[in-house]
């Protein structure tokens, strides 16, 4: 049974949703902050936290091998393993901050700024 198991589908099929989240993680790592909708930011924050937990448990070589599951470019995966692993060494959670920006003019979607702490 899958009681209380929730998965944000974002109105997308699995393959499209996975590539969207990978691209969001890559942009967040490379730029430090991105502007997106609230529902996408919540999914991104949880997936980023899961990725950082995996990176903390493994050594550098094994973590780089697992990065294609979470991000799109080699530059982003190297930055995660080299810089962010050391930066968040003492943290177990709370890697991102979500700040509300207001509503998007075209479709009134709730926009947020998600940034690395």
N, C-alpha and C. Protein backbone atom coordinates (compact mmCIF):
# COMPACT_ATOMS: atom_id res chain seq x y z
N UNK A 1 0.83 -1.18 0.00
CA UNK A 1 0.00 0.00 0.00
C UNK A 1 0.87 1.24 0.00
N UNK A 2 0.36 2.30 -0.56
CA UNK A 2 1.15 3.51 -0.62
C UNK A 2 0.46 4.66 0.11
N UNK A 3 -0.02 4.38 1.30
CA UNK A 3 -0.66 5.43 2.09
C UNK A 3 0.35 6.50 2.45
N UNK A 4 -0.07 7.74 2.34
CA UNK A 4 0.73 8.92 2.70
C UNK A 4 2.02 9.06 1.90
N UNK A 5 2.15 8.37 0.78
CA UNK A 5 3.29 8.56 -0.10
C UNK A 5 2.86 9.59 -1.14
N UNK A 6 3.53 10.70 -1.16
CA UNK A 6 3.13 11.76 -2.08
C UNK A 6 4.25 12.05 -3.06
N UNK A 7 3.86 12.28 -4.30
CA UNK A 7 4.81 12.61 -5.34
C UNK A 7 4.23 13.77 -6.14
N UNK A 8 4.95 14.87 -6.19
CA UNK A 8 4.52 16.01 -6.98
C UNK A 8 4.78 15.71 -8.44
N UNK A 9 3.74 15.66 -9.23
CA UNK A 9 3.89 15.29 -10.64
C UNK A 9 4.08 16.50 -11.56
N UNK A 10 3.73 17.68 -11.08
CA UNK A 10 3.93 18.93 -11.83
C UNK A 10 3.22 18.94 -13.18
N UNK A 11 2.28 18.06 -13.37
CA UNK A 11 1.55 18.01 -14.63
C UNK A 11 2.38 17.48 -15.79
N UNK A 12 3.42 16.71 -15.50
CA UNK A 12 4.33 16.22 -16.52
C UNK A 12 4.47 14.70 -16.44
N UNK A 13 4.90 14.11 -17.54
CA UNK A 13 5.21 12.69 -17.52
C UNK A 13 6.55 12.49 -16.83
N UNK A 14 6.84 11.26 -16.44
CA UNK A 14 8.02 10.98 -15.62
C UNK A 14 9.32 11.42 -16.29
N UNK A 15 9.50 11.11 -17.55
CA UNK A 15 10.76 11.44 -18.22
C UNK A 15 10.94 12.96 -18.31
N UNK A 16 9.85 13.67 -18.62
CA UNK A 16 9.93 15.13 -18.72
C UNK A 16 10.16 15.75 -17.35
N UNK A 17 9.49 15.21 -16.33
CA UNK A 17 9.65 15.72 -14.97
C UNK A 17 11.08 15.50 -14.47
N UNK A 18 11.65 14.34 -14.75
CA UNK A 18 13.02 14.06 -14.32
C UNK A 18 14.02 14.99 -14.99
N UNK A 19 13.86 15.23 -16.29
CA UNK A 19 14.81 16.14 -16.94
C UNK A 19 14.61 17.58 -16.49
N UNK A 20 13.38 17.97 -16.17
CA UNK A 20 13.14 19.31 -15.65
C UNK A 20 13.86 19.50 -14.32
N UNK A 21 13.74 18.53 -13.43
CA UNK A 21 14.37 18.64 -12.11
C UNK A 21 15.89 18.60 -12.24
N UNK A 22 16.42 17.78 -13.13
CA UNK A 22 17.87 17.75 -13.36
C UNK A 22 18.37 19.11 -13.84
N UNK A 23 17.63 19.72 -14.77
CA UNK A 23 18.03 21.04 -15.28
C UNK A 23 17.93 22.10 -14.19
N UNK A 24 16.90 22.01 -13.33
CA UNK A 24 16.77 22.97 -12.24
C UNK A 24 17.93 22.82 -11.25
N UNK A 25 18.30 21.59 -10.92
CA UNK A 25 19.42 21.37 -10.01
C UNK A 25 20.72 21.90 -10.62
N UNK A 26 20.93 21.64 -11.90
CA UNK A 26 22.13 22.13 -12.58
C UNK A 26 22.19 23.65 -12.55
N UNK A 27 21.08 24.31 -12.85
CA UNK A 27 21.05 25.78 -12.83
C UNK A 27 21.27 26.33 -11.42
N UNK A 28 20.67 25.69 -10.44
CA UNK A 28 20.83 26.14 -9.06
C UNK A 28 22.29 26.01 -8.61
N UNK A 29 22.93 24.92 -8.95
CA UNK A 29 24.32 24.71 -8.55
C UNK A 29 25.24 25.70 -9.25
N UNK A 30 25.05 25.91 -10.54
CA UNK A 30 25.94 26.78 -11.30
C UNK A 30 25.74 28.26 -10.98
N UNK A 31 24.50 28.68 -10.74
CA UNK A 31 24.21 30.10 -10.55
C UNK A 31 23.98 30.50 -9.10
N UNK A 32 23.69 29.53 -8.22
CA UNK A 32 23.49 29.86 -6.81
C UNK A 32 22.07 30.22 -6.44
N UNK A 33 21.32 30.74 -7.38
CA UNK A 33 19.91 31.09 -7.15
C UNK A 33 19.17 31.10 -8.47
N UNK A 34 17.91 30.70 -8.44
CA UNK A 34 17.08 30.75 -9.64
C UNK A 34 15.68 31.18 -9.26
N UNK A 35 14.98 31.71 -10.23
CA UNK A 35 13.60 32.14 -10.04
C UNK A 35 12.70 31.16 -10.76
N UNK A 36 11.74 30.57 -10.04
CA UNK A 36 10.85 29.57 -10.61
C UNK A 36 9.52 29.60 -9.87
N UNK A 37 8.63 28.69 -10.22
CA UNK A 37 7.33 28.64 -9.53
C UNK A 37 7.49 27.92 -8.19
N UNK A 38 6.51 28.12 -7.33
CA UNK A 38 6.59 27.57 -5.98
C UNK A 38 6.56 26.04 -5.98
N UNK A 39 5.72 25.45 -6.79
CA UNK A 39 5.63 23.99 -6.80
C UNK A 39 6.92 23.36 -7.32
N UNK A 40 7.52 23.95 -8.34
CA UNK A 40 8.79 23.44 -8.85
C UNK A 40 9.90 23.61 -7.82
N UNK A 41 9.89 24.72 -7.10
CA UNK A 41 10.92 24.97 -6.09
C UNK A 41 10.85 23.96 -4.95
N UNK A 42 9.64 23.58 -4.55
CA UNK A 42 9.50 22.60 -3.47
C UNK A 42 10.04 21.23 -3.90
N UNK A 43 9.74 20.84 -5.13
CA UNK A 43 10.27 19.57 -5.64
C UNK A 43 11.79 19.65 -5.74
N UNK A 44 12.30 20.77 -6.22
CA UNK A 44 13.74 20.97 -6.36
C UNK A 44 14.44 20.91 -5.02
N UNK A 45 13.87 21.54 -4.00
CA UNK A 45 14.51 21.54 -2.67
C UNK A 45 14.61 20.14 -2.10
N UNK A 46 13.55 19.35 -2.25
CA UNK A 46 13.60 17.99 -1.70
C UNK A 46 14.58 17.12 -2.47
N UNK A 47 14.61 17.23 -3.80
CA UNK A 47 15.53 16.43 -4.59
C UNK A 47 16.98 16.86 -4.34
N UNK A 48 17.21 18.16 -4.14
CA UNK A 48 18.56 18.65 -3.86
C UNK A 48 19.04 18.13 -2.50
N UNK A 49 18.15 18.10 -1.51
CA UNK A 49 18.51 17.59 -0.19
C UNK A 49 18.84 16.10 -0.26
N UNK A 50 18.08 15.36 -1.05
CA UNK A 50 18.35 13.93 -1.22
C UNK A 50 19.72 13.72 -1.87
N UNK A 51 20.02 14.56 -2.88
CA UNK A 51 21.30 14.45 -3.56
C UNK A 51 22.46 14.75 -2.61
N UNK A 52 22.32 15.76 -1.78
CA UNK A 52 23.39 16.12 -0.85
C UNK A 52 23.60 15.03 0.20
N UNK A 53 22.54 14.36 0.63
CA UNK A 53 22.70 13.24 1.57
C UNK A 53 23.49 12.11 0.93
N UNK A 54 23.23 11.85 -0.35
CA UNK A 54 23.97 10.80 -1.06
C UNK A 54 25.44 11.20 -1.21
N UNK A 55 25.69 12.46 -1.51
CA UNK A 55 27.07 12.94 -1.70
C UNK A 55 27.85 12.86 -0.39
N UNK A 56 27.20 13.18 0.73
CA UNK A 56 27.88 13.12 2.02
C UNK A 56 28.31 11.71 2.38
N UNK A 57 27.53 10.72 2.01
CA UNK A 57 27.82 9.34 2.40
C UNK A 57 28.95 8.72 1.59
N UNK A 58 29.18 9.20 0.38
CA UNK A 58 30.14 8.55 -0.51
C UNK A 58 31.41 9.37 -0.66
N UNK A 59 32.47 8.71 -1.10
CA UNK A 59 33.69 9.44 -1.38
C UNK A 59 33.58 10.09 -2.76
N UNK A 60 34.60 10.85 -3.13
CA UNK A 60 34.53 11.69 -4.33
C UNK A 60 34.28 10.88 -5.60
N UNK A 61 34.99 9.80 -5.79
CA UNK A 61 34.85 9.02 -7.03
C UNK A 61 33.45 8.42 -7.17
N UNK A 62 32.92 7.85 -6.09
CA UNK A 62 31.59 7.25 -6.14
C UNK A 62 30.51 8.31 -6.30
N UNK A 63 30.70 9.47 -5.68
CA UNK A 63 29.71 10.54 -5.79
C UNK A 63 29.65 11.07 -7.22
N UNK A 64 30.79 11.22 -7.88
CA UNK A 64 30.80 11.69 -9.27
C UNK A 64 30.11 10.68 -10.18
N UNK A 65 30.26 9.40 -9.90
CA UNK A 65 29.59 8.38 -10.70
C UNK A 65 28.07 8.45 -10.56
N UNK A 66 27.58 8.88 -9.40
CA UNK A 66 26.13 8.97 -9.18
C UNK A 66 25.53 10.29 -9.66
N UNK A 67 26.33 11.26 -10.01
CA UNK A 67 25.82 12.58 -10.37
C UNK A 67 24.94 12.62 -11.62
N UNK A 68 25.14 11.80 -12.66
CA UNK A 68 24.24 11.89 -13.81
C UNK A 68 22.77 11.63 -13.46
N UNK A 69 22.53 11.01 -12.32
CA UNK A 69 21.16 10.81 -11.87
C UNK A 69 20.54 12.12 -11.39
N UNK A 70 21.36 13.08 -10.96
CA UNK A 70 20.85 14.30 -10.35
C UNK A 70 21.09 15.58 -11.14
N UNK A 71 22.14 15.66 -11.94
CA UNK A 71 22.39 16.90 -12.66
C UNK A 71 22.86 16.60 -14.08
N UNK A 72 22.84 17.62 -14.95
CA UNK A 72 23.04 17.41 -16.37
C UNK A 72 24.48 17.59 -16.85
N UNK A 73 25.25 18.49 -16.25
CA UNK A 73 26.56 18.79 -16.80
C UNK A 73 27.68 18.31 -15.87
N UNK A 74 28.82 18.10 -16.46
CA UNK A 74 29.98 17.67 -15.69
C UNK A 74 30.49 18.79 -14.79
N UNK A 75 30.36 20.04 -15.25
CA UNK A 75 30.81 21.17 -14.43
C UNK A 75 30.00 21.27 -13.14
N UNK A 76 28.69 21.03 -13.25
CA UNK A 76 27.85 21.08 -12.06
C UNK A 76 28.17 19.95 -11.10
N UNK A 77 28.40 18.76 -11.63
CA UNK A 77 28.70 17.64 -10.75
C UNK A 77 30.04 17.82 -10.05
N UNK A 78 31.02 18.37 -10.73
CA UNK A 78 32.32 18.63 -10.09
C UNK A 78 32.18 19.71 -9.01
N UNK A 79 31.35 20.73 -9.27
CA UNK A 79 31.15 21.78 -8.28
C UNK A 79 30.45 21.22 -7.04
N UNK A 80 29.51 20.31 -7.25
CA UNK A 80 28.82 19.70 -6.11
C UNK A 80 29.79 18.93 -5.24
N UNK A 81 30.60 18.09 -5.87
CA UNK A 81 31.49 17.22 -5.12
C UNK A 81 32.65 18.00 -4.51
N UNK A 82 33.19 18.98 -5.22
CA UNK A 82 34.36 19.70 -4.73
C UNK A 82 34.00 20.81 -3.74
N UNK A 83 33.05 21.67 -4.10
CA UNK A 83 32.77 22.85 -3.29
C UNK A 83 31.62 22.65 -2.31
N UNK A 84 30.48 22.18 -2.81
CA UNK A 84 29.29 22.12 -1.95
C UNK A 84 29.39 21.04 -0.88
N UNK A 85 30.08 19.96 -1.17
CA UNK A 85 30.24 18.92 -0.15
C UNK A 85 31.01 19.46 1.05
N UNK A 86 32.05 20.24 0.79
CA UNK A 86 32.82 20.84 1.88
C UNK A 86 32.02 21.95 2.58
N UNK A 87 31.25 22.71 1.81
CA UNK A 87 30.49 23.81 2.37
C UNK A 87 29.41 23.32 3.32
N UNK A 88 28.75 22.23 2.96
CA UNK A 88 27.64 21.70 3.76
C UNK A 88 28.05 20.48 4.58
N UNK A 89 29.30 20.41 4.96
CA UNK A 89 29.82 19.24 5.67
C UNK A 89 29.11 19.02 7.01
N UNK A 90 28.79 20.08 7.72
CA UNK A 90 28.18 19.95 9.05
C UNK A 90 26.66 20.03 9.01
N UNK A 91 26.07 20.17 7.84
CA UNK A 91 24.61 20.26 7.72
C UNK A 91 24.03 18.91 7.34
N UNK A 92 22.86 18.62 7.91
CA UNK A 92 22.13 17.42 7.49
C UNK A 92 20.91 17.77 6.67
N UNK A 93 20.45 19.02 6.77
CA UNK A 93 19.31 19.46 5.98
C UNK A 93 19.34 20.98 5.89
N UNK A 94 18.38 21.55 5.19
CA UNK A 94 18.31 23.01 5.09
C UNK A 94 19.37 23.59 4.17
N UNK A 95 19.49 23.02 2.98
CA UNK A 95 20.51 23.48 2.04
C UNK A 95 20.02 24.65 1.20
N UNK A 96 18.71 24.82 1.08
CA UNK A 96 18.14 25.86 0.22
C UNK A 96 17.21 26.77 1.01
N UNK A 97 17.00 27.96 0.46
CA UNK A 97 16.06 28.92 1.04
C UNK A 97 15.09 29.33 -0.06
N UNK A 98 13.80 29.31 0.24
CA UNK A 98 12.77 29.70 -0.72
C UNK A 98 12.14 30.99 -0.25
N UNK A 99 12.19 32.02 -1.11
CA UNK A 99 11.63 33.34 -0.80
C UNK A 99 10.56 33.67 -1.82
N UNK A 100 9.38 34.05 -1.36
CA UNK A 100 8.30 34.40 -2.28
C UNK A 100 8.55 35.75 -2.94
N UNK A 101 8.22 35.82 -4.24
CA UNK A 101 8.41 37.05 -5.00
C UNK A 101 7.11 37.70 -5.42
N UNK A 102 6.03 36.95 -5.45
CA UNK A 102 4.75 37.48 -5.90
C UNK A 102 4.16 36.59 -6.97
N UNK A 103 3.27 37.17 -7.77
CA UNK A 103 2.59 36.41 -8.81
C UNK A 103 3.14 36.78 -10.18
N UNK A 104 3.19 35.80 -11.06
CA UNK A 104 3.61 36.05 -12.43
C UNK A 104 2.47 36.74 -13.15
N UNK A 105 2.78 37.69 -14.00
CA UNK A 105 1.76 38.51 -14.63
C UNK A 105 0.89 37.73 -15.60
N UNK A 106 1.48 36.83 -16.37
CA UNK A 106 0.74 36.13 -17.41
C UNK A 106 -0.32 35.18 -16.91
N UNK A 107 0.04 34.32 -15.94
CA UNK A 107 -0.89 33.28 -15.49
C UNK A 107 -1.11 33.26 -13.99
N UNK A 108 -0.63 34.26 -13.28
CA UNK A 108 -0.77 34.39 -11.84
C UNK A 108 -0.19 33.22 -11.07
N UNK A 109 0.86 32.63 -11.59
CA UNK A 109 1.56 31.58 -10.87
C UNK A 109 2.41 32.21 -9.77
N UNK A 110 2.53 31.54 -8.65
CA UNK A 110 3.29 32.04 -7.53
C UNK A 110 4.79 31.86 -7.81
N UNK A 111 5.52 32.96 -7.93
CA UNK A 111 6.95 32.91 -8.21
C UNK A 111 7.75 32.97 -6.92
N UNK A 112 8.85 32.23 -6.89
CA UNK A 112 9.74 32.23 -5.73
C UNK A 112 11.18 32.31 -6.20
N UNK A 113 12.04 32.70 -5.28
CA UNK A 113 13.48 32.68 -5.52
C UNK A 113 14.04 31.59 -4.63
N UNK A 114 14.65 30.60 -5.22
CA UNK A 114 15.29 29.53 -4.45
C UNK A 114 16.79 29.71 -4.56
N UNK A 115 17.47 29.68 -3.41
CA UNK A 115 18.90 29.94 -3.40
C UNK A 115 19.59 28.99 -2.43
N UNK A 116 20.85 28.76 -2.68
CA UNK A 116 21.66 27.95 -1.78
C UNK A 116 22.04 28.77 -0.55
N UNK A 117 22.00 28.16 0.59
CA UNK A 117 22.34 28.87 1.83
C UNK A 117 23.84 28.80 2.03
